[in-house]
Amino acid sequence: MSTLIVPPIPPSPRDDAMQLYRAFKGFGCDTSAVINILAHRDATQRAYIQREYRTIYSEELSKRLEKELRGKLETAVLLWMHDPAGRDATIVRKCLTVDANIQGATEVICSRTPSQLQHLRQIYHSKFGTYMEHDIEATTFGDHKKILLAFLTTPRHEGYEVNREIAQQDAKFLYKAGEKKLGTDEKAFIRIFSERSAAHLAAISSYYHDIYGHSLEKAVKNETSGHFAYALLTIVQCAEHPGKYFAKVLHKAMKGLGTNDATLIRVIVTRTEIDMQYIKAEYLKKYRKTLNDAVHSETSGHYRDFLLQLLGPNV
């Protein structure tokens, strides 16, 4: 469930565009006004606002936001203004070709559904004039590259139906390919993790625990390493419980000295309209602290205000 709070009767996109223009005019930007509008409009409404702004003022709203906002707030708001597929494409492209943030790209790719990935690949090509597969080929290596390409391009069922017999066979197959033998058959892990549906992988994980007394995740950690292990763990954990997975990612981003703001922004902005309610519930359950409180203690200023408005009430 989303945490986005939209007014019951929102202003027209034209009114919002004009209010934003007024917030930009004069000496300094009325940043609070900008946040109060944009943090409470859904993806469709934001697209209409951008269209109206372009029509009225012959200027892209995103270009004006770049001029008016600064730092982490600018990064978060500009990312928020994209539609979901365009946002994912922008994140993956930047992670792969600018920031060398392979983990960030891996998280996005390995946590998305097959239909989301198909749309993402199309938008990526239309936005950047290159195929995502080419950028992955150029920036990743070995088994990590193989699992990303396989997961990105292999068609998978998205329903909840599971053939229990095959799931049990797959659990045994992965055990033989990993913990039972000396060395690891990485190809077996790549095939199962890229070809099976999320529901099927969750069933495999359940059978693995029942048969061998510990989790499939533990087996993956024991048998693989580095970015390859991170990709496999992201796939299986998001198949089982994406809310729990993203709660861990957020906690890690805020744990210890300093905050990984790139991760904080990426997860909050991309999950607000999808499942942030579940992520908040899992965060509270696991860390005995609300996500809102954690974000409040790690951020400041208008940047903090924007993220907290996306997160919704502190309950």
C-alpha atoms as a PDB file:
ATOM      1  CA  MET A   1       0.000   0.000   0.000  1.00  0.00           C
ATOM      2  CA  SER A   2       1.050   3.538  -0.816  1.00  0.00           C
ATOM      3  CA  THR A   3       1.787   6.196   1.813  1.00  0.00           C
ATOM      4  CA  LEU A   4       1.119   9.052  -0.598  1.00  0.00           C
ATOM      5  CA  ILE A   5      -1.560  11.429   0.688  1.00  0.00           C
ATOM      6  CA  VAL A   6      -3.421  13.197  -2.129  1.00  0.00           C
ATOM      7  CA  PRO A   7      -6.065  15.879  -1.414  1.00  0.00           C
ATOM      8  CA  PRO A   8      -9.616  14.461  -1.675  1.00  0.00           C
ATOM      9  CA  ILE A   9     -10.366  17.149  -4.261  1.00  0.00           C
ATOM     10  CA  PRO A  10      -6.967  18.169  -5.651  1.00  0.00           C
ATOM     11  CA  PRO A  11      -6.532  21.467  -7.494  1.00  0.00           C
ATOM     12  CA  SER A  12      -6.440  21.301 -11.275  1.00  0.00           C
ATOM     13  CA  PRO A  13      -3.005  20.690 -12.862  1.00  0.00           C
ATOM     14  CA  ARG A  14      -3.213  24.221 -14.272  1.00  0.00           C
ATOM     15  CA  ASP A  15      -3.743  25.686 -10.789  1.00  0.00           C
ATOM     16  CA  ASP A  16      -0.845  23.622  -9.433  1.00  0.00           C
ATOM     17  CA  ALA A  17       1.403  24.789 -12.276  1.00  0.00           C
ATOM     18  CA  MET A  18       0.532  28.422 -11.560  1.00  0.00           C
ATOM     19  CA  GLN A  19       1.085  27.970  -7.796  1.00  0.00           C
ATOM     20  CA  LEU A  20       4.515  26.478  -8.506  1.00  0.00           C
ATOM     21  CA  TYR A  21       5.400  29.374 -10.784  1.00  0.00           C
ATOM     22  CA  ARG A  22       4.431  31.827  -8.028  1.00  0.00           C
ATOM     23  CA  ALA A  23       6.626  29.863  -5.575  1.00  0.00           C
ATOM     24  CA  PHE A  24       9.598  30.280  -7.963  1.00  0.00           C
ATOM     25  CA  LYS A  25       9.095  34.008  -8.560  1.00  0.00           C
ATOM     26  CA  GLY A  26      10.726  36.775  -6.606  1.00  0.00           C
ATOM     27  CA  PHE A  27      13.743  36.671  -4.345  1.00  0.00           C
ATOM     28  CA  GLY A  28      14.354  33.051  -3.430  1.00  0.00           C
ATOM     29  CA  CYS A  29      12.137  30.035  -3.897  1.00  0.00           C
ATOM     30  CA  ASP A  30       9.241  29.243  -1.581  1.00  0.00           C
ATOM     31  CA  THR A  31      10.508  25.697  -1.128  1.00  0.00           C
ATOM     32  CA  SER A  32       7.840  24.715   1.380  1.00  0.00           C
ATOM     33  CA  ALA A  33       5.116  25.588  -1.118  1.00  0.00           C
ATOM     34  CA  VAL A  34       6.819  23.479  -3.799  1.00  0.00           C
ATOM     35  CA  ILE A  35       7.066  20.506  -1.442  1.00  0.00           C
ATOM     36  CA  ASN A  36       3.480  20.862  -0.235  1.00  0.00           C
ATOM     37  CA  ILE A  37       2.246  20.555  -3.800  1.00  0.00           C
ATOM     38  CA  LEU A  38       4.535  17.960  -5.352  1.00  0.00           C
ATOM     39  CA  ALA A  39       4.744  15.597  -2.343  1.00  0.00           C
ATOM     40  CA  HIS A  40       0.966  15.205  -2.471  1.00  0.00           C
ATOM     41  CA  ARG A  41       0.346  14.422  -6.141  1.00  0.00           C
ATOM     42  CA  ASP A  42       0.432  10.966  -7.706  1.00  0.00           C
ATOM     43  CA  ALA A  43       2.376  10.046 -10.855  1.00  0.00           C
ATOM     44  CA  THR A  44      -0.493  10.879 -13.229  1.00  0.00           C
ATOM     45  CA  GLN A  45      -1.160  14.226 -11.551  1.00  0.00           C
ATOM     46  CA  ARG A  46       2.547  15.107 -11.656  1.00  0.00           C
ATOM     47  CA  ALA A  47       2.647  14.341 -15.378  1.00  0.00           C
ATOM     48  CA  TYR A  48      -0.352  16.644 -15.987  1.00  0.00           C
ATOM     49  CA  ILE A  49       1.235  19.410 -13.914  1.00  0.00           C
ATOM     50  CA  GLN A  50       4.427  19.175 -15.971  1.00  0.00           C
ATOM     51  CA  ARG A  51       2.419  19.344 -19.204  1.00  0.00           C
ATOM     52  CA  GLU A  52       0.443  22.391 -18.036  1.00  0.00           C
ATOM     53  CA  TYR A  53       3.608  24.153 -16.832  1.00  0.00           C
ATOM     54  CA  ARG A  54       5.232  23.597 -20.247  1.00  0.00           C
ATOM     55  CA  THR A  55       2.111  24.892 -22.036  1.00  0.00           C
ATOM     56  CA  ILE A  56       1.714  28.026 -19.910  1.00  0.00           C
ATOM     57  CA  TYR A  57       5.339  29.065 -19.380  1.00  0.00           C
ATOM     58  CA  SER A  58       7.175  27.468 -22.359  1.00  0.00           C
ATOM     59  CA  GLU A  59       9.620  25.911 -19.919  1.00  0.00           C
ATOM     60  CA  GLU A  60      10.140  22.416 -18.555  1.00  0.00           C
ATOM     61  CA  LEU A  61       9.173  22.206 -14.888  1.00  0.00           C
ATOM     62  CA  SER A  62      12.103  19.862 -14.260  1.00  0.00           C
ATOM     63  CA  LYS A  63      14.542  22.496 -15.599  1.00  0.00           C
ATOM     64  CA  ARG A  64      13.044  25.135 -13.306  1.00  0.00           C
ATOM     65  CA  LEU A  65      13.253  22.783 -10.315  1.00  0.00           C
ATOM     66  CA  GLU A  66      16.948  22.246 -11.106  1.00  0.00           C
ATOM     67  CA  LYS A  67      17.495  26.013 -10.927  1.00  0.00           C
ATOM     68  CA  GLU A  68      15.463  26.555  -7.761  1.00  0.00           C
ATOM     69  CA  LEU A  69      16.388  23.556  -5.583  1.00  0.00           C
ATOM     70  CA  ARG A  70      19.748  22.411  -4.267  1.00  0.00           C
ATOM     71  CA  GLY A  71      21.539  19.320  -3.014  1.00  0.00           C
ATOM     72  CA  LYS A  72      19.746  16.232  -1.774  1.00  0.00           C
ATOM     73  CA  LEU A  73      16.326  17.876  -1.974  1.00  0.00           C
ATOM     74  CA  GLU A  74      16.892  18.608  -5.664  1.00  0.00           C
ATOM     75  CA  THR A  75      17.926  14.986  -6.272  1.00  0.00           C
ATOM     76  CA  ALA A  76      14.869  13.608  -4.466  1.00  0.00           C
ATOM     77  CA  VAL A  77      12.304  15.939  -6.063  1.00  0.00           C
ATOM     78  CA  LEU A  78      13.641  15.500  -9.612  1.00  0.00           C
ATOM     79  CA  LEU A  79      13.544  11.729  -9.195  1.00  0.00           C
ATOM     80  CA  TRP A  80       9.993  11.959  -7.831  1.00  0.00           C
ATOM     81  CA  MET A  81       8.824  13.865 -10.913  1.00  0.00           C
ATOM     82  CA  HIS A  82       9.412  10.877 -13.230  1.00  0.00           C
ATOM     83  CA  ASP A  83       6.837   8.210 -13.980  1.00  0.00           C
ATOM     84  CA  PRO A  84       7.856   4.858 -12.361  1.00  0.00           C
ATOM     85  CA  ALA A  85       9.501   3.306 -15.448  1.00  0.00           C
ATOM     86  CA  GLY A  86      11.290   6.521 -16.382  1.00  0.00           C
ATOM     87  CA  ARG A  87      12.508   6.860 -12.813  1.00  0.00           C
ATOM     88  CA  ASP A  88      13.870   3.310 -12.748  1.00  0.00           C
ATOM     89  CA  ALA A  89      15.572   3.885 -16.098  1.00  0.00           C
ATOM     90  CA  THR A  90      17.184   7.077 -14.797  1.00  0.00           C
ATOM     91  CA  ILE A  91      18.376   5.345 -11.621  1.00  0.00           C
ATOM     92  CA  VAL A  92      19.843   2.327 -13.412  1.00  0.00           C
ATOM     93  CA  ARG A  93      21.552   4.449 -16.070  1.00  0.00           C
ATOM     94  CA  LYS A  94      23.150   6.712 -13.448  1.00  0.00           C
ATOM     95  CA  CYS A  95      24.161   3.774 -11.244  1.00  0.00           C
ATOM     96  CA  LEU A  96      25.804   1.937 -14.131  1.00  0.00           C
ATOM     97  CA  THR A  97      27.453   4.743 -16.094  1.00  0.00           C
ATOM     98  CA  VAL A  98      28.028   7.652 -13.665  1.00  0.00           C
ATOM     99  CA  ASP A  99      28.174   6.548 -10.032  1.00  0.00           C
ATOM    100  CA  ALA A 100      29.531   3.003 -10.494  1.00  0.00           C
ATOM    101  CA  ASN A 101      26.842   2.052  -7.973  1.00  0.00           C
ATOM    102  CA  ILE A 102      26.427  -1.544  -9.119  1.00  0.00           C
ATOM    103  CA  GLN A 103      24.503  -2.475  -5.974  1.00  0.00           C
ATOM    104  CA  GLY A 104      21.900   0.214  -6.631  1.00  0.00           C
ATOM    105  CA  ALA A 105      21.353  -0.982 -10.208  1.00  0.00           C
ATOM    106  CA  THR A 106      21.172  -4.585  -8.997  1.00  0.00           C
ATOM    107  CA  GLU A 107      18.537  -3.681  -6.393  1.00  0.00           C
ATOM    108  CA  VAL A 108      16.282  -2.005  -8.951  1.00  0.00           C
ATOM    109  CA  ILE A 109      16.565  -4.734 -11.586  1.00  0.00           C
ATOM    110  CA  CYS A 110      16.235  -7.703  -9.226  1.00  0.00           C
ATOM    111  CA  SER A 111      13.277  -6.304  -7.263  1.00  0.00           C
ATOM    112  CA  ARG A 112      11.016  -5.528 -10.236  1.00  0.00           C
ATOM    113  CA  THR A 113       8.340  -7.735 -11.821  1.00  0.00           C
ATOM    114  CA  PRO A 114       8.724  -9.093 -15.386  1.00  0.00           C
ATOM    115  CA  SER A 115       6.180  -6.590 -16.759  1.00  0.00           C
ATOM    116  CA  GLN A 116       7.936  -3.725 -14.966  1.00  0.00           C
ATOM    117  CA  LEU A 117      11.271  -4.855 -16.415  1.00  0.00           C
ATOM    118  CA  GLN A 118       9.854  -5.099 -19.917  1.00  0.00           C
ATOM    119  CA  HIS A 119       8.556  -1.527 -19.682  1.00  0.00           C
ATOM    120  CA  LEU A 120      11.824  -0.393 -18.093  1.00  0.00           C
ATOM    121  CA  ARG A 121      13.859  -1.800 -21.007  1.00  0.00           C
ATOM    122  CA  GLN A 122      11.685   0.020 -23.535  1.00  0.00           C
ATOM    123  CA  ILE A 123      11.866   3.363 -21.705  1.00  0.00           C
ATOM    124  CA  TYR A 124      15.620   2.977 -21.136  1.00  0.00           C
ATOM    125  CA  HIS A 125      16.222   2.591 -24.873  1.00  0.00           C
ATOM    126  CA  SER A 126      13.943   5.493 -25.822  1.00  0.00           C
ATOM    127  CA  LYS A 127      15.482   7.826 -23.180  1.00  0.00           C
ATOM    128  CA  PHE A 128      19.161   7.027 -23.653  1.00  0.00           C
ATOM    129  CA  GLY A 129      19.426   5.601 -27.172  1.00  0.00           C
ATOM    130  CA  THR A 130      21.103   2.446 -25.965  1.00  0.00           C
ATOM    131  CA  TYR A 131      19.928  -0.915 -24.669  1.00  0.00           C
ATOM    132  CA  MET A 132      20.148  -1.549 -20.945  1.00  0.00           C
ATOM    133  CA  GLU A 133      21.675  -4.928 -21.731  1.00  0.00           C
ATOM    134  CA  HIS A 134      24.602  -3.155 -23.436  1.00  0.00           C
ATOM    135  CA  ASP A 135      25.283  -1.006 -20.381  1.00  0.00           C
ATOM    136  CA  ILE A 136      25.109  -4.082 -18.141  1.00  0.00           C
ATOM    137  CA  GLU A 137      27.532  -5.894 -20.452  1.00  0.00           C
ATOM    138  CA  ALA A 138      29.953  -2.967 -20.253  1.00  0.00           C
ATOM    139  CA  THR A 139      29.885  -2.398 -16.497  1.00  0.00           C
ATOM    140  CA  THR A 140      29.385  -5.776 -14.788  1.00  0.00           C
ATOM    141  CA  PHE A 141      31.297  -9.036 -14.765  1.00  0.00           C
ATOM    142  CA  GLY A 142      31.082 -12.807 -14.439  1.00  0.00           C
ATOM    143  CA  ASP A 143      28.115 -14.506 -12.811  1.00  0.00           C
ATOM    144  CA  HIS A 144      26.725 -11.174 -11.646  1.00  0.00           C
ATOM    145  CA  LYS A 145      26.448 -10.032 -15.262  1.00  0.00           C
ATOM    146  CA  LYS A 146      24.849 -13.360 -16.230  1.00  0.00           C
ATOM    147  CA  ILE A 147      22.135 -13.229 -13.550  1.00  0.00           C
ATOM    148  CA  LEU A 148      21.276  -9.581 -14.333  1.00  0.00           C
ATOM    149  CA  LEU A 149      20.934 -10.264 -18.056  1.00  0.00           C
ATOM    150  CA  ALA A 150      18.995 -13.482 -17.493  1.00  0.00           C
ATOM    151  CA  PHE A 151      16.637 -11.934 -14.935  1.00  0.00           C
ATOM    152  CA  LEU A 152      16.097  -8.885 -17.145  1.00  0.00           C
ATOM    153  CA  THR A 153      15.301 -10.742 -20.363  1.00  0.00           C
ATOM    154  CA  THR A 154      13.729 -14.094 -19.366  1.00  0.00           C
ATOM    155  CA  PRO A 155       9.894 -14.193 -19.458  1.00  0.00           C
ATOM    156  CA  ARG A 156       8.398 -15.268 -16.125  1.00  0.00           C
ATOM    157  CA  HIS A 157       4.887 -15.988 -14.911  1.00  0.00           C
ATOM    158  CA  GLU A 158       3.534 -13.273 -12.585  1.00  0.00           C
ATOM    159  CA  GLY A 159       0.617 -15.139 -11.034  1.00  0.00           C
ATOM    160  CA  TYR A 160       0.398 -16.833  -7.647  1.00  0.00           C
ATOM    161  CA  GLU A 161      -0.071 -20.379  -8.961  1.00  0.00           C
ATOM    162  CA  VAL A 162       2.717 -22.779  -7.973  1.00  0.00           C
ATOM    163  CA  ASN A 163       3.398 -26.375  -8.957  1.00  0.00           C
ATOM    164  CA  ARG A 164       4.422 -27.698  -5.544  1.00  0.00           C
ATOM    165  CA  GLU A 165       6.047 -30.814  -6.941  1.00  0.00           C
ATOM    166  CA  ILE A 166       8.330 -28.836  -9.245  1.00  0.00           C
ATOM    167  CA  ALA A 167       9.125 -26.354  -6.459  1.00  0.00           C
ATOM    168  CA  GLN A 168      10.227 -29.219  -4.232  1.00  0.00           C
ATOM    169  CA  GLN A 169      12.343 -30.661  -7.053  1.00  0.00           C
ATOM    170  CA  ASP A 170      13.932 -27.225  -7.598  1.00  0.00           C
ATOM    171  CA  ALA A 171      14.817 -26.976  -3.896  1.00  0.00           C
ATOM    172  CA  LYS A 172      16.595 -30.351  -4.104  1.00  0.00           C
ATOM    173  CA  PHE A 173      18.255 -29.332  -7.386  1.00  0.00           C
ATOM    174  CA  LEU A 174      19.682 -26.171  -5.797  1.00  0.00           C
ATOM    175  CA  TYR A 175      20.956 -28.160  -2.815  1.00  0.00           C
ATOM    176  CA  LYS A 176      22.771 -30.560  -5.144  1.00  0.00           C
ATOM    177  CA  ALA A 177      24.142 -27.608  -7.135  1.00  0.00           C
ATOM    178  CA  GLY A 178      25.431 -25.884  -4.024  1.00  0.00           C
ATOM    179  CA  GLU A 179      25.742 -27.170  -0.498  1.00  0.00           C
ATOM    180  CA  LYS A 180      25.905 -30.869  -1.355  1.00  0.00           C
ATOM    181  CA  LYS A 181      28.880 -30.629  -3.702  1.00  0.00           C
ATOM    182  CA  LEU A 182      32.402 -29.270  -3.596  1.00  0.00           C
ATOM    183  CA  GLY A 183      32.213 -25.968  -5.391  1.00  0.00           C
ATOM    184  CA  THR A 184      29.035 -24.384  -6.747  1.00  0.00           C
ATOM    185  CA  ASP A 185      27.156 -24.855  -9.998  1.00  0.00           C
ATOM    186  CA  GLU A 186      26.422 -21.177 -10.582  1.00  0.00           C
ATOM    187  CA  LYS A 187      24.578 -21.909 -13.835  1.00  0.00           C
ATOM    188  CA  ALA A 188      21.956 -23.885 -11.903  1.00  0.00           C
ATOM    189  CA  PHE A 189      21.309 -20.945  -9.564  1.00  0.00           C
ATOM    190  CA  ILE A 190      21.117 -18.503 -12.486  1.00  0.00           C
ATOM    191  CA  ARG A 191      18.637 -20.713 -14.354  1.00  0.00           C
ATOM    192  CA  ILE A 192      16.276 -21.285 -11.418  1.00  0.00           C
ATOM    193  CA  PHE A 193      16.397 -17.694 -10.129  1.00  0.00           C
ATOM    194  CA  SER A 194      15.818 -16.164 -13.571  1.00  0.00           C
ATOM    195  CA  GLU A 195      13.184 -18.593 -14.894  1.00  0.00           C
ATOM    196  CA  ARG A 196      10.914 -19.168 -11.878  1.00  0.00           C
ATOM    197  CA  SER A 197       8.129 -16.803 -10.830  1.00  0.00           C
ATOM    198  CA  ALA A 198       8.271 -14.922  -7.533  1.00  0.00           C
ATOM    199  CA  ALA A 199       5.581 -17.183  -6.058  1.00  0.00           C
ATOM    200  CA  HIS A 200       7.467 -20.272  -7.208  1.00  0.00           C
ATOM    201  CA  LEU A 201      10.758 -19.007  -5.724  1.00  0.00           C
ATOM    202  CA  ALA A 202       9.027 -18.334  -2.408  1.00  0.00           C
ATOM    203  CA  ALA A 203       7.781 -21.936  -2.461  1.00  0.00           C
ATOM    204  CA  ILE A 204      11.280 -23.219  -3.273  1.00  0.00           C
ATOM    205  CA  SER A 205      12.638 -21.269  -0.306  1.00  0.00           C
ATOM    206  CA  SER A 206       9.976 -22.746   1.981  1.00  0.00           C
ATOM    207  CA  TYR A 207      10.715 -26.309   0.824  1.00  0.00           C
ATOM    208  CA  TYR A 208      14.450 -25.719   1.152  1.00  0.00           C
ATOM    209  CA  HIS A 209      14.018 -24.777   4.802  1.00  0.00           C
ATOM    210  CA  ASP A 210      11.688 -27.711   5.481  1.00  0.00           C
ATOM    211  CA  ILE A 211      14.011 -30.276   3.885  1.00  0.00           C
ATOM    212  CA  TYR A 212      17.457 -29.000   4.906  1.00  0.00           C
ATOM    213  CA  GLY A 213      16.756 -27.138   8.157  1.00  0.00           C
ATOM    214  CA  HIS A 214      17.965 -23.706   7.110  1.00  0.00           C
ATOM    215  CA  SER A 215      17.008 -21.016   4.649  1.00  0.00           C
ATOM    216  CA  LEU A 216      17.786 -20.771   0.958  1.00  0.00           C
ATOM    217  CA  GLU A 217      19.213 -17.343   1.748  1.00  0.00           C
ATOM    218  CA  LYS A 218      21.798 -18.921   4.050  1.00  0.00           C
ATOM    219  CA  ALA A 219      22.718 -21.353   1.287  1.00  0.00           C
ATOM    220  CA  VAL A 220      23.163 -18.481  -1.167  1.00  0.00           C
ATOM    221  CA  LYS A 221      25.410 -16.642   1.316  1.00  0.00           C
ATOM    222  CA  ASN A 222      27.481 -19.787   1.865  1.00  0.00           C
ATOM    223  CA  GLU A 223      27.819 -20.695  -1.796  1.00  0.00           C
ATOM    224  CA  THR A 224      28.173 -17.329  -3.558  1.00  0.00           C
ATOM    225  CA  SER A 225      29.694 -13.915  -2.882  1.00  0.00           C
ATOM    226  CA  GLY A 226      29.906 -10.302  -3.951  1.00  0.00           C
ATOM    227  CA  HIS A 227      27.455  -8.717  -6.366  1.00  0.00           C
ATOM    228  CA  PHE A 228      26.315 -12.146  -7.585  1.00  0.00           C
ATOM    229  CA  ALA A 229      25.212 -13.101  -4.077  1.00  0.00           C
ATOM    230  CA  TYR A 230      23.535  -9.695  -3.635  1.00  0.00           C
ATOM    231  CA  ALA A 231      21.529 -10.210  -6.844  1.00  0.00           C
ATOM    232  CA  LEU A 232      20.365 -13.699  -5.821  1.00  0.00           C
ATOM    233  CA  LEU A 233      19.456 -12.536  -2.311  1.00  0.00           C
ATOM    234  CA  THR A 234      17.516  -9.561  -3.690  1.00  0.00           C
ATOM    235  CA  ILE A 235      15.551 -11.848  -6.016  1.00  0.00           C
ATOM    236  CA  VAL A 236      14.615 -14.398  -3.358  1.00  0.00           C
ATOM    237  CA  GLN A 237      13.936 -11.884  -0.578  1.00  0.00           C
ATOM    238  CA  CYS A 238      11.695  -9.780  -2.832  1.00  0.00           C
ATOM    239  CA  ALA A 239       9.906 -12.962  -3.905  1.00  0.00           C
ATOM    240  CA  GLU A 240       9.216 -13.800  -0.262  1.00  0.00           C
ATOM    241  CA  HIS A 241       8.607 -10.372   1.287  1.00  0.00           C
ATOM    242  CA  PRO A 242       9.611  -7.144  -0.502  1.00  0.00           C
ATOM    243  CA  GLY A 243       8.537  -5.034   2.495  1.00  0.00           C
ATOM    244  CA  LYS A 244      11.009  -6.809   4.734  1.00  0.00           C
ATOM    245  CA  TYR A 245      13.746  -6.556   2.099  1.00  0.00           C
ATOM    246  CA  PHE A 246      13.398  -2.782   1.655  1.00  0.00           C
ATOM    247  CA  ALA A 247      13.149  -2.217   5.419  1.00  0.00           C
ATOM    248  CA  LYS A 248      16.599  -3.840   5.717  1.00  0.00           C
ATOM    249  CA  VAL A 249      17.979  -1.740   2.852  1.00  0.00           C
ATOM    250  CA  LEU A 250      16.736   1.469   4.511  1.00  0.00           C
ATOM    251  CA  HIS A 251      18.085   0.489   7.920  1.00  0.00           C
ATOM    252  CA  LYS A 252      21.497  -0.259   6.450  1.00  0.00           C
ATOM    253  CA  ALA A 253      21.481   3.118   4.664  1.00  0.00           C
ATOM    254  CA  MET A 254      20.983   4.921   7.996  1.00  0.00           C
ATOM    255  CA  LYS A 255      23.053   2.653  10.241  1.00  0.00           C
ATOM    256  CA  GLY A 256      26.330   3.800  11.741  1.00  0.00           C
ATOM    257  CA  LEU A 257      28.254   6.987  11.006  1.00  0.00           C
ATOM    258  CA  GLY A 258      26.780   8.953   8.122  1.00  0.00           C
ATOM    259  CA  THR A 259      23.790   8.245   5.915  1.00  0.00           C
ATOM    260  CA  ASN A 260      23.699   6.752   2.431  1.00  0.00           C
ATOM    261  CA  ASP A 261      21.368   9.390   1.010  1.00  0.00           C
ATOM    262  CA  ALA A 262      21.415   7.925  -2.500  1.00  0.00           C
ATOM    263  CA  THR A 263      19.887   4.713  -1.144  1.00  0.00           C
ATOM    264  CA  LEU A 264      17.501   6.557   1.170  1.00  0.00           C
ATOM    265  CA  ILE A 265      16.181   8.674  -1.704  1.00  0.00           C
ATOM    266  CA  ARG A 266      16.042   5.771  -4.158  1.00  0.00           C
ATOM    267  CA  VAL A 267      14.006   3.487  -1.926  1.00  0.00           C
ATOM    268  CA  ILE A 268      11.609   6.077  -0.487  1.00  0.00           C
ATOM    269  CA  VAL A 269      10.892   7.730  -3.835  1.00  0.00           C
ATOM    270  CA  THR A 270      10.457   4.460  -5.757  1.00  0.00           C
ATOM    271  CA  ARG A 271       8.353   2.629  -3.142  1.00  0.00           C
ATOM    272  CA  THR A 272       6.090   5.434  -1.824  1.00  0.00           C
ATOM    273  CA  GLU A 273       3.367   4.721  -4.406  1.00  0.00           C
ATOM    274  CA  ILE A 274       3.775   0.924  -4.237  1.00  0.00           C
ATOM    275  CA  ASP A 275       4.272  -0.679  -0.820  1.00  0.00           C
ATOM    276  CA  MET A 276       5.693   1.857   1.630  1.00  0.00           C
ATOM    277  CA  GLN A 277       2.996   1.051   4.216  1.00  0.00           C
ATOM    278  CA  TYR A 278       4.292  -2.525   4.378  1.00  0.00           C
ATOM    279  CA  ILE A 279       7.913  -1.361   4.493  1.00  0.00           C
ATOM    280  CA  LYS A 280       7.100   0.948   7.425  1.00  0.00           C
ATOM    281  CA  ALA A 281       5.339  -1.883   9.269  1.00  0.00           C
ATOM    282  CA  GLU A 282       8.295  -4.230   8.759  1.00  0.00           C
ATOM    283  CA  TYR A 283      10.744  -1.534   9.829  1.00  0.00           C
ATOM    284  CA  LEU A 284       8.886  -0.958  13.086  1.00  0.00           C
ATOM    285  CA  LYS A 285       8.577  -4.683  13.751  1.00  0.00           C
ATOM    286  CA  LYS A 286      12.270  -5.401  13.186  1.00  0.00           C
ATOM    287  CA  TYR A 287      13.969  -2.275  14.563  1.00  0.00           C
ATOM    288  CA  ARG A 288      11.501  -1.113  17.270  1.00  0.00           C
ATOM    289  CA  LYS A 289      11.542   2.384  15.790  1.00  0.00           C
ATOM    290  CA  THR A 290       9.309   3.997  13.207  1.00  0.00           C
ATOM    291  CA  LEU A 291      10.818   4.655   9.795  1.00  0.00           C
ATOM    292  CA  ASN A 292       9.661   8.260  10.096  1.00  0.00           C
ATOM    293  CA  ASP A 293      11.644   8.690  13.316  1.00  0.00           C
ATOM    294  CA  ALA A 294      14.733   7.114  11.766  1.00  0.00           C
ATOM    295  CA  VAL A 295      14.547   9.383   8.699  1.00  0.00           C
ATOM    296  CA  HIS A 296      13.899  12.421  10.919  1.00  0.00           C
ATOM    297  CA  SER A 297      17.059  11.746  12.938  1.00  0.00           C
ATOM    298  CA  GLU A 298      19.238  11.232   9.835  1.00  0.00           C
ATOM    299  CA  THR A 299      18.096  14.161   7.663  1.00  0.00           C
ATOM    300  CA  SER A 300      17.403  17.883   7.999  1.00  0.00           C
ATOM    301  CA  GLY A 301      15.744  20.916   6.472  1.00  0.00           C
ATOM    302  CA  HIS A 302      13.494  20.836   3.444  1.00  0.00           C
ATOM    303  CA  TYR A 303      15.061  17.520   2.392  1.00  0.00           C
ATOM    304  CA  ARG A 304      13.748  15.960   5.611  1.00  0.00           C
ATOM    305  CA  ASP A 305      10.333  17.597   5.135  1.00  0.00           C
ATOM    306  CA  PHE A 306       9.977  16.197   1.620  1.00  0.00           C
ATOM    307  CA  LEU A 307      10.886  12.606   2.581  1.00  0.00           C
ATOM    308  CA  LEU A 308       8.629  12.683   5.656  1.00  0.00           C
ATOM    309  CA  GLN A 309       5.688  13.944   3.597  1.00  0.00           C
ATOM    310  CA  LEU A 310       6.174  11.039   1.189  1.00  0.00           C
ATOM    311  CA  LEU A 311       6.261   8.619   4.140  1.00  0.00           C
ATOM    312  CA  GLY A 312       2.941   9.855   5.506  1.00  0.00           C
ATOM    313  CA  PRO A 313       1.825   9.906   9.170  1.00  0.00           C
ATOM    314  CA  ASN A 314       4.239   8.686  11.837  1.00  0.00           C
ATOM    315  CA  VAL A 315       2.207   5.698  13.048  1.00  0.00           C
END
